[in-house]
């Protein structure tokens, strides 16, 4: 766990522009494949702040799929991800490889 989306305009704004909201069933059925243009993202709202986590592998997807609370599910276009959005080059490489 540890790749989060942080943008100057806010996570919600980024997701509305670069992602499609999907159901929990669609997220759980997501298959990681070489060349995929999408990556799963979970938007959790704990009341005082939101967190948008990139599920860069199957274990991350399983972990975030089991969380309680108000969570929304997205598939994000990988081309929208950048160092500025994710925080560093390593995180970008991990997300792009998903």
N, C-alpha and C. Protein backbone atom coordinates (compact mmCIF):
# COMPACT_ATOMS: atom_id res chain seq x y z
N UNK A 1 0.85 -1.18 0.00
CA UNK A 1 0.00 0.00 0.00
C UNK A 1 0.89 1.23 0.00
N UNK A 2 0.49 2.21 -0.79
CA UNK A 2 1.27 3.41 -0.72
C UNK A 2 1.28 4.30 -1.94
N UNK A 3 0.58 3.98 -3.04
CA UNK A 3 0.53 4.90 -4.17
C UNK A 3 -0.81 5.63 -4.09
N UNK A 4 -0.74 6.94 -3.89
CA UNK A 4 -1.94 7.75 -3.76
C UNK A 4 -1.91 8.89 -4.76
N UNK A 5 -3.08 9.25 -5.23
CA UNK A 5 -3.23 10.37 -6.16
C UNK A 5 -3.36 11.65 -5.36
N UNK A 6 -2.52 12.63 -5.66
CA UNK A 6 -2.58 13.95 -5.06
C UNK A 6 -2.34 14.97 -6.16
N UNK A 7 -3.32 15.79 -6.43
CA UNK A 7 -3.19 16.80 -7.47
C UNK A 7 -3.58 18.16 -6.90
N UNK A 8 -3.05 19.23 -7.49
CA UNK A 8 -3.39 20.57 -7.00
C UNK A 8 -4.89 20.87 -7.08
N UNK A 9 -5.57 20.30 -8.09
CA UNK A 9 -7.00 20.55 -8.26
C UNK A 9 -7.88 19.58 -7.50
N UNK A 10 -7.27 18.62 -6.80
CA UNK A 10 -8.02 17.67 -5.99
C UNK A 10 -8.22 16.33 -6.67
N UNK A 11 -8.30 15.30 -5.86
CA UNK A 11 -8.45 13.93 -6.34
C UNK A 11 -9.75 13.74 -7.10
N UNK A 12 -10.82 14.29 -6.55
CA UNK A 12 -12.13 14.12 -7.15
C UNK A 12 -12.17 14.73 -8.55
N UNK A 13 -11.59 15.90 -8.69
CA UNK A 13 -11.54 16.56 -9.99
C UNK A 13 -10.73 15.74 -10.99
N UNK A 14 -9.59 15.22 -10.55
CA UNK A 14 -8.76 14.38 -11.41
C UNK A 14 -9.53 13.15 -11.87
N UNK A 15 -10.21 12.49 -10.93
CA UNK A 15 -10.95 11.28 -11.27
C UNK A 15 -12.12 11.57 -12.21
N UNK A 16 -12.80 12.69 -12.02
CA UNK A 16 -13.92 13.00 -12.90
C UNK A 16 -13.45 13.26 -14.33
N UNK A 17 -12.22 13.72 -14.48
CA UNK A 17 -11.67 14.03 -15.81
C UNK A 17 -10.99 12.82 -16.47
N UNK A 18 -10.37 11.94 -15.69
CA UNK A 18 -9.50 10.90 -16.26
C UNK A 18 -9.92 9.46 -15.93
N UNK A 19 -11.11 9.28 -15.35
CA UNK A 19 -11.50 7.94 -14.92
C UNK A 19 -12.97 7.68 -15.20
N UNK A 20 -13.30 6.41 -15.15
CA UNK A 20 -14.70 5.98 -15.23
C UNK A 20 -15.04 5.32 -13.90
N UNK A 21 -16.15 5.74 -13.31
CA UNK A 21 -16.59 5.09 -12.07
C UNK A 21 -17.21 3.75 -12.43
N UNK A 22 -16.88 2.73 -11.64
CA UNK A 22 -17.37 1.36 -11.88
C UNK A 22 -17.91 0.79 -10.57
N UNK A 23 -18.49 -0.38 -10.65
CA UNK A 23 -19.03 -1.04 -9.46
C UNK A 23 -17.95 -1.87 -8.77
N UNK A 24 -18.22 -2.28 -7.55
CA UNK A 24 -17.31 -3.15 -6.83
C UNK A 24 -17.13 -4.47 -7.58
N UNK A 25 -18.18 -4.95 -8.20
CA UNK A 25 -18.09 -6.20 -8.96
C UNK A 25 -17.14 -6.05 -10.15
N UNK A 26 -17.21 -4.91 -10.82
CA UNK A 26 -16.30 -4.67 -11.96
C UNK A 26 -14.85 -4.56 -11.49
N UNK A 27 -14.64 -3.92 -10.35
CA UNK A 27 -13.28 -3.80 -9.80
C UNK A 27 -12.76 -5.18 -9.42
N UNK A 28 -13.57 -5.98 -8.75
CA UNK A 28 -13.12 -7.30 -8.31
C UNK A 28 -12.84 -8.22 -9.49
N UNK A 29 -13.49 -7.98 -10.62
CA UNK A 29 -13.28 -8.80 -11.81
C UNK A 29 -12.13 -8.29 -12.69
N UNK A 30 -11.53 -7.16 -12.29
CA UNK A 30 -10.47 -6.57 -13.11
C UNK A 30 -9.29 -7.53 -13.25
N UNK A 31 -8.80 -7.67 -14.45
CA UNK A 31 -7.65 -8.53 -14.74
C UNK A 31 -6.47 -7.66 -15.15
N UNK A 32 -5.37 -7.80 -14.45
CA UNK A 32 -4.15 -7.10 -14.82
C UNK A 32 -3.57 -7.77 -16.06
N UNK A 33 -3.30 -6.98 -17.09
CA UNK A 33 -2.76 -7.53 -18.33
C UNK A 33 -1.74 -6.58 -18.92
N UNK A 34 -0.70 -7.14 -19.48
CA UNK A 34 0.32 -6.34 -20.14
C UNK A 34 -0.34 -5.50 -21.24
N UNK A 35 -0.01 -4.24 -21.28
CA UNK A 35 -0.56 -3.36 -22.30
C UNK A 35 -1.88 -2.71 -21.93
N UNK A 36 -2.41 -3.01 -20.75
CA UNK A 36 -3.67 -2.41 -20.32
C UNK A 36 -3.50 -0.89 -20.22
N UNK A 37 -4.52 -0.18 -20.64
CA UNK A 37 -4.49 1.28 -20.59
C UNK A 37 -5.14 1.83 -19.32
N UNK A 38 -5.67 0.93 -18.48
CA UNK A 38 -6.39 1.34 -17.28
C UNK A 38 -5.76 0.74 -16.02
N UNK A 39 -6.00 1.41 -14.89
CA UNK A 39 -5.56 0.91 -13.59
C UNK A 39 -6.67 1.21 -12.57
N UNK A 40 -6.97 0.26 -11.67
CA UNK A 40 -8.01 0.49 -10.66
C UNK A 40 -7.56 1.51 -9.61
N UNK A 41 -8.52 2.35 -9.19
CA UNK A 41 -8.28 3.34 -8.14
C UNK A 41 -9.48 3.30 -7.20
N UNK A 42 -9.20 3.40 -5.91
CA UNK A 42 -10.22 3.40 -4.87
C UNK A 42 -10.23 4.78 -4.21
N UNK A 43 -11.39 5.40 -4.11
CA UNK A 43 -11.54 6.68 -3.44
C UNK A 43 -12.29 6.45 -2.14
N UNK A 44 -11.58 6.58 -1.03
CA UNK A 44 -12.17 6.37 0.30
C UNK A 44 -12.40 7.72 0.96
N UNK A 45 -13.52 7.83 1.65
CA UNK A 45 -13.88 9.06 2.35
C UNK A 45 -14.04 8.72 3.83
N UNK A 46 -13.11 9.22 4.66
CA UNK A 46 -13.21 8.91 6.08
C UNK A 46 -13.86 10.05 6.88
N UNK A 47 -14.41 11.02 6.18
CA UNK A 47 -15.09 12.12 6.86
C UNK A 47 -14.27 13.39 6.89
N UNK A 48 -13.02 13.31 7.35
CA UNK A 48 -12.20 14.50 7.43
C UNK A 48 -11.33 14.70 6.18
N UNK A 49 -11.13 13.63 5.39
CA UNK A 49 -10.40 13.75 4.13
C UNK A 49 -10.69 12.54 3.26
N UNK A 50 -10.33 12.66 1.99
CA UNK A 50 -10.47 11.54 1.07
C UNK A 50 -9.08 11.06 0.66
N UNK A 51 -9.00 9.81 0.27
CA UNK A 51 -7.75 9.23 -0.21
C UNK A 51 -8.06 8.45 -1.48
N UNK A 52 -7.27 8.69 -2.53
CA UNK A 52 -7.43 7.97 -3.79
C UNK A 52 -6.21 7.08 -3.97
N UNK A 53 -6.40 5.78 -3.78
CA UNK A 53 -5.31 4.81 -3.81
C UNK A 53 -5.30 4.04 -5.12
N UNK A 54 -4.10 3.91 -5.71
CA UNK A 54 -3.92 3.14 -6.93
C UNK A 54 -3.66 1.69 -6.56
N UNK A 55 -4.48 0.79 -7.09
CA UNK A 55 -4.28 -0.65 -6.86
C UNK A 55 -3.35 -1.17 -7.96
N UNK A 56 -2.05 -1.11 -7.70
CA UNK A 56 -1.06 -1.41 -8.74
C UNK A 56 -0.80 -2.90 -8.94
N UNK A 57 -1.39 -3.76 -8.11
CA UNK A 57 -1.29 -5.20 -8.34
C UNK A 57 -2.50 -5.89 -7.69
N UNK A 58 -2.60 -7.20 -7.91
CA UNK A 58 -3.76 -7.96 -7.44
C UNK A 58 -3.91 -7.92 -5.92
N UNK A 59 -2.80 -7.94 -5.19
CA UNK A 59 -2.91 -7.90 -3.72
C UNK A 59 -3.46 -6.55 -3.25
N UNK A 60 -3.07 -5.47 -3.91
CA UNK A 60 -3.62 -4.15 -3.57
C UNK A 60 -5.12 -4.11 -3.89
N UNK A 61 -5.48 -4.67 -5.02
CA UNK A 61 -6.89 -4.69 -5.43
C UNK A 61 -7.72 -5.47 -4.41
N UNK A 62 -7.22 -6.60 -3.99
CA UNK A 62 -7.93 -7.42 -2.99
C UNK A 62 -8.05 -6.67 -1.68
N UNK A 63 -6.97 -6.05 -1.23
CA UNK A 63 -6.97 -5.32 0.03
C UNK A 63 -8.02 -4.19 0.00
N UNK A 64 -7.95 -3.34 -1.01
CA UNK A 64 -8.86 -2.20 -1.07
C UNK A 64 -10.30 -2.62 -1.32
N UNK A 65 -10.52 -3.75 -1.96
CA UNK A 65 -11.88 -4.24 -2.21
C UNK A 65 -12.57 -4.68 -0.93
N UNK A 66 -11.82 -4.95 0.12
CA UNK A 66 -12.39 -5.46 1.37
C UNK A 66 -12.57 -4.39 2.44
N UNK A 67 -12.22 -3.15 2.14
CA UNK A 67 -12.35 -2.08 3.12
C UNK A 67 -13.81 -1.73 3.37
N UNK A 68 -14.11 -1.34 4.60
CA UNK A 68 -15.45 -0.86 4.95
C UNK A 68 -15.50 0.64 4.75
N UNK A 69 -16.70 1.16 4.75
CA UNK A 69 -16.86 2.61 4.66
C UNK A 69 -17.25 3.06 3.28
N UNK A 70 -17.45 4.35 3.14
CA UNK A 70 -17.84 4.89 1.84
C UNK A 70 -16.66 4.88 0.86
N UNK A 71 -16.71 3.97 -0.10
CA UNK A 71 -15.64 3.84 -1.09
C UNK A 71 -16.25 3.85 -2.48
N UNK A 72 -15.61 4.61 -3.36
CA UNK A 72 -16.01 4.62 -4.77
C UNK A 72 -14.88 3.98 -5.57
N UNK A 73 -15.25 3.36 -6.69
CA UNK A 73 -14.31 2.57 -7.48
C UNK A 73 -14.18 3.17 -8.88
N UNK A 74 -12.94 3.25 -9.37
CA UNK A 74 -12.68 3.87 -10.66
C UNK A 74 -11.66 3.05 -11.45
N UNK A 75 -11.73 3.18 -12.76
CA UNK A 75 -10.66 2.73 -13.64
C UNK A 75 -10.09 3.99 -14.28
N UNK A 76 -8.81 4.23 -14.04
CA UNK A 76 -8.14 5.45 -14.48
C UNK A 76 -7.29 5.15 -15.71
N UNK A 77 -7.33 6.07 -16.66
CA UNK A 77 -6.49 5.97 -17.83
C UNK A 77 -5.04 6.21 -17.40
N UNK A 78 -4.17 5.24 -17.65
CA UNK A 78 -2.77 5.35 -17.22
C UNK A 78 -2.05 6.55 -17.83
N UNK A 79 -2.48 6.98 -19.01
CA UNK A 79 -1.81 8.11 -19.65
C UNK A 79 -1.99 9.41 -18.87
N UNK A 80 -2.97 9.46 -17.98
CA UNK A 80 -3.20 10.65 -17.16
C UNK A 80 -2.29 10.69 -15.93
N UNK A 81 -1.65 9.58 -15.61
CA UNK A 81 -0.79 9.52 -14.43
C UNK A 81 0.57 10.14 -14.74
N UNK A 82 1.12 10.83 -13.77
CA UNK A 82 2.42 11.48 -13.93
C UNK A 82 3.12 11.54 -12.57
N UNK A 83 4.36 11.97 -12.56
CA UNK A 83 5.09 12.15 -11.31
C UNK A 83 4.37 13.18 -10.45
N UNK A 84 3.84 14.22 -11.06
CA UNK A 84 3.14 15.27 -10.31
C UNK A 84 1.89 14.72 -9.63
N UNK A 85 1.22 13.77 -10.27
CA UNK A 85 -0.01 13.19 -9.73
C UNK A 85 0.29 12.17 -8.63
N UNK A 86 1.35 11.37 -8.82
CA UNK A 86 1.63 10.26 -7.90
C UNK A 86 2.75 10.54 -6.90
N UNK A 87 3.55 11.55 -7.13
CA UNK A 87 4.55 11.93 -6.14
C UNK A 87 5.98 11.59 -6.47
N UNK A 88 6.23 10.50 -7.20
CA UNK A 88 7.61 10.21 -7.58
C UNK A 88 7.67 9.22 -8.74
N UNK A 89 8.83 9.10 -9.33
CA UNK A 89 9.05 8.27 -10.52
C UNK A 89 8.78 6.78 -10.25
N UNK A 90 9.20 6.29 -9.09
CA UNK A 90 8.99 4.88 -8.76
C UNK A 90 7.51 4.54 -8.74
N UNK A 91 6.71 5.37 -8.10
CA UNK A 91 5.26 5.13 -8.05
C UNK A 91 4.66 5.17 -9.45
N UNK A 92 5.13 6.09 -10.29
CA UNK A 92 4.64 6.18 -11.65
C UNK A 92 4.96 4.90 -12.42
N UNK A 93 6.18 4.41 -12.28
CA UNK A 93 6.57 3.17 -12.96
C UNK A 93 5.74 1.98 -12.49
N UNK A 94 5.45 1.90 -11.19
CA UNK A 94 4.63 0.81 -10.66
C UNK A 94 3.21 0.87 -11.20
N UNK A 95 2.64 2.07 -11.24
CA UNK A 95 1.28 2.24 -11.73
C UNK A 95 1.19 1.94 -13.23
N UNK A 96 2.19 2.39 -13.98
CA UNK A 96 2.20 2.16 -15.42
C UNK A 96 2.35 0.68 -15.74
N UNK A 97 3.07 -0.05 -14.89
CA UNK A 97 3.31 -1.48 -15.13
C UNK A 97 2.10 -2.35 -14.75
N UNK A 98 1.18 -1.79 -13.99
CA UNK A 98 0.00 -2.56 -13.52
C UNK A 98 -0.83 -3.08 -14.66
